[in-house]
Structure formats: C-alpha cells, structure tokens
N, C-alpha and C. Protein backbone atom coordinates (compact mmCIF):
# COMPACT_ATOMS: atom_id res chain seq x y z
N UNK A 1 181.61 24.09 182.80
CA UNK A 1 182.47 24.87 181.94
C UNK A 1 183.83 24.16 181.89
N UNK A 2 184.43 24.15 180.73
CA UNK A 2 185.76 23.57 180.55
C UNK A 2 186.79 24.69 180.48
N UNK A 3 187.78 24.61 181.37
CA UNK A 3 188.83 25.61 181.46
C UNK A 3 190.16 24.94 181.21
N UNK A 4 190.94 25.49 180.30
CA UNK A 4 192.28 24.98 180.02
C UNK A 4 193.28 25.98 180.59
N UNK A 5 194.19 25.48 181.41
CA UNK A 5 195.26 26.29 181.99
C UNK A 5 196.54 25.96 181.21
N UNK A 6 197.07 26.95 180.50
CA UNK A 6 198.32 26.76 179.76
C UNK A 6 199.48 27.24 180.62
N UNK A 7 200.28 26.32 181.08
CA UNK A 7 201.42 26.65 181.94
C UNK A 7 202.61 26.98 181.05
N UNK A 8 202.87 28.28 180.90
CA UNK A 8 203.95 28.74 180.02
C UNK A 8 205.21 29.09 180.79
N UNK A 9 205.07 29.29 182.11
CA UNK A 9 206.21 29.70 182.92
C UNK A 9 206.60 31.15 182.73
N UNK A 10 205.73 31.95 182.12
CA UNK A 10 206.07 33.34 181.81
C UNK A 10 205.58 34.35 182.85
N UNK A 11 204.64 33.97 183.70
CA UNK A 11 204.02 34.93 184.59
C UNK A 11 204.43 34.70 186.04
N UNK A 12 204.89 35.73 186.72
CA UNK A 12 205.39 35.57 188.09
C UNK A 12 204.30 35.22 189.11
N UNK A 13 203.05 35.53 188.86
CA UNK A 13 201.97 35.26 189.80
C UNK A 13 201.19 34.00 189.42
N UNK A 14 201.83 33.10 188.72
CA UNK A 14 201.16 31.90 188.21
C UNK A 14 200.58 31.03 189.33
N UNK A 15 201.25 30.96 190.46
CA UNK A 15 200.78 30.10 191.56
C UNK A 15 199.44 30.59 192.11
N UNK A 16 199.25 31.88 192.16
CA UNK A 16 197.99 32.43 192.64
C UNK A 16 196.85 32.08 191.69
N UNK A 17 197.08 32.25 190.41
CA UNK A 17 196.06 31.94 189.41
C UNK A 17 195.77 30.45 189.42
N UNK A 18 196.80 29.63 189.51
CA UNK A 18 196.63 28.18 189.53
C UNK A 18 195.82 27.74 190.75
N UNK A 19 196.07 28.36 191.90
CA UNK A 19 195.30 28.05 193.11
C UNK A 19 193.83 28.40 192.93
N UNK A 20 193.55 29.53 192.29
CA UNK A 20 192.17 29.93 192.03
C UNK A 20 191.49 28.93 191.10
N UNK A 21 192.23 28.46 190.09
CA UNK A 21 191.65 27.48 189.17
C UNK A 21 191.38 26.15 189.88
N UNK A 22 192.21 25.78 190.83
CA UNK A 22 191.95 24.55 191.60
C UNK A 22 190.65 24.68 192.39
N UNK A 23 190.37 25.88 192.88
CA UNK A 23 189.11 26.13 193.58
C UNK A 23 187.93 25.98 192.60
N UNK A 24 188.13 26.45 191.39
CA UNK A 24 187.07 26.37 190.38
C UNK A 24 186.83 24.94 189.90
N UNK A 25 187.81 24.07 190.11
CA UNK A 25 187.70 22.68 189.66
C UNK A 25 186.61 21.91 190.41
N UNK A 26 186.14 22.46 191.50
CA UNK A 26 185.04 21.81 192.24
C UNK A 26 183.77 21.74 191.41
N UNK A 27 183.54 22.77 190.60
CA UNK A 27 182.29 22.82 189.83
C UNK A 27 182.51 22.91 188.33
N UNK A 28 183.77 22.90 187.89
CA UNK A 28 184.11 23.00 186.48
C UNK A 28 185.17 21.95 186.14
N UNK A 29 185.38 21.74 184.86
CA UNK A 29 186.46 20.88 184.40
C UNK A 29 187.66 21.76 184.12
N UNK A 30 188.74 21.54 184.86
CA UNK A 30 189.96 22.32 184.70
C UNK A 30 191.09 21.37 184.33
N UNK A 31 191.76 21.66 183.23
CA UNK A 31 192.89 20.84 182.79
C UNK A 31 194.10 21.73 182.58
N UNK A 32 195.23 21.28 183.09
CA UNK A 32 196.48 22.01 182.94
C UNK A 32 197.32 21.36 181.85
N UNK A 33 197.83 22.19 180.95
CA UNK A 33 198.74 21.72 179.90
C UNK A 33 200.07 22.44 180.10
N UNK A 34 201.12 21.66 180.35
CA UNK A 34 202.44 22.23 180.58
C UNK A 34 203.15 22.42 179.24
N UNK A 35 203.23 23.66 178.79
CA UNK A 35 203.88 23.96 177.51
C UNK A 35 205.38 24.12 177.64
N UNK A 36 205.89 23.99 178.85
CA UNK A 36 207.33 24.11 179.06
C UNK A 36 208.08 22.83 178.72
N UNK A 37 207.35 21.76 178.47
CA UNK A 37 207.97 20.49 178.11
C UNK A 37 208.67 20.62 176.76
N UNK A 38 209.87 20.18 176.68
CA UNK A 38 210.64 20.29 175.44
C UNK A 38 210.38 19.11 174.50
N UNK A 39 209.81 18.04 175.02
CA UNK A 39 209.64 16.84 174.20
C UNK A 39 208.27 16.75 173.52
N UNK A 40 207.55 17.87 173.42
CA UNK A 40 206.26 17.85 172.74
C UNK A 40 206.44 17.57 171.25
N UNK A 41 205.72 16.57 170.79
CA UNK A 41 205.77 16.20 169.37
C UNK A 41 204.62 16.88 168.63
N UNK A 42 204.62 16.76 167.32
CA UNK A 42 203.55 17.36 166.52
C UNK A 42 202.18 16.82 166.93
N UNK A 43 202.12 15.53 167.22
CA UNK A 43 200.85 14.93 167.64
C UNK A 43 200.39 15.51 168.98
N UNK A 44 201.34 15.84 169.86
CA UNK A 44 200.99 16.48 171.13
C UNK A 44 200.38 17.85 170.89
N UNK A 45 200.97 18.60 169.97
CA UNK A 45 200.44 19.93 169.64
C UNK A 45 199.06 19.83 169.01
N UNK A 46 198.81 18.78 168.22
CA UNK A 46 197.48 18.57 167.65
C UNK A 46 196.45 18.36 168.76
N UNK A 47 196.83 17.59 169.77
CA UNK A 47 195.94 17.35 170.90
C UNK A 47 195.69 18.63 171.69
N UNK A 48 196.73 19.42 171.89
CA UNK A 48 196.59 20.70 172.57
C UNK A 48 195.60 21.58 171.81
N UNK A 49 195.75 21.67 170.52
CA UNK A 49 194.86 22.52 169.71
C UNK A 49 193.41 22.05 169.81
N UNK A 50 193.17 20.74 169.78
CA UNK A 50 191.81 20.22 169.91
C UNK A 50 191.20 20.60 171.25
N UNK A 51 191.99 20.52 172.31
CA UNK A 51 191.50 20.89 173.64
C UNK A 51 191.21 22.38 173.73
N UNK A 52 192.07 23.19 173.12
CA UNK A 52 191.85 24.64 173.12
C UNK A 52 190.58 25.01 172.38
N UNK A 53 190.35 24.38 171.25
CA UNK A 53 189.16 24.66 170.46
C UNK A 53 187.88 24.25 171.18
N UNK A 54 187.96 23.22 172.02
CA UNK A 54 186.78 22.73 172.72
C UNK A 54 186.54 23.43 174.06
N UNK A 55 187.51 24.20 174.53
CA UNK A 55 187.42 24.83 175.85
C UNK A 55 186.49 26.04 175.85
N UNK A 56 185.89 26.29 176.99
CA UNK A 56 185.08 27.49 177.18
C UNK A 56 185.94 28.68 177.57
N UNK A 57 187.01 28.40 178.33
CA UNK A 57 187.93 29.45 178.76
C UNK A 57 189.36 28.91 178.68
N UNK A 58 190.29 29.81 178.37
CA UNK A 58 191.72 29.48 178.31
C UNK A 58 192.45 30.49 179.18
N UNK A 59 193.27 29.98 180.10
CA UNK A 59 194.03 30.84 181.01
C UNK A 59 195.51 30.53 180.81
N UNK A 60 196.30 31.53 180.50
CA UNK A 60 197.74 31.36 180.35
C UNK A 60 198.44 31.83 181.62
N UNK A 61 199.29 30.97 182.14
CA UNK A 61 200.06 31.37 183.33
C UNK A 61 201.53 31.21 183.07
C-alpha cells in the first residue's frame, strides 16, 4: 500500500501519527511531503498532485 503523509504543521499530535506511519513503513511505502516549504514551485505542486492521485491512503498531519 502507498501512503502519503502531508506535513502541514497544523495538528498538535503530528509526532504520534508520524511515528505510527514509520512503523507502517516496514510493510508499506510511506512518503512524507512537507507542505510547509515556502519555495514550492508550480512543478513541485504538479508532482505532489501526481503522488496524491497514485496513493492508496493520504494522511494529513
């Protein structure tokens, strides 16, 4: 299963969820995308959208 973790910086319990996803990475593909970066270009957003569309699960933290 492919899981995308969107790091938004909005949730206070993000570290707990992130730790759980690291445990899941043993048997799944887990990728973290840091959306807090200010230097994201349009091409970066295109890549993010492609990954989101291909993912089985999306987790926002």
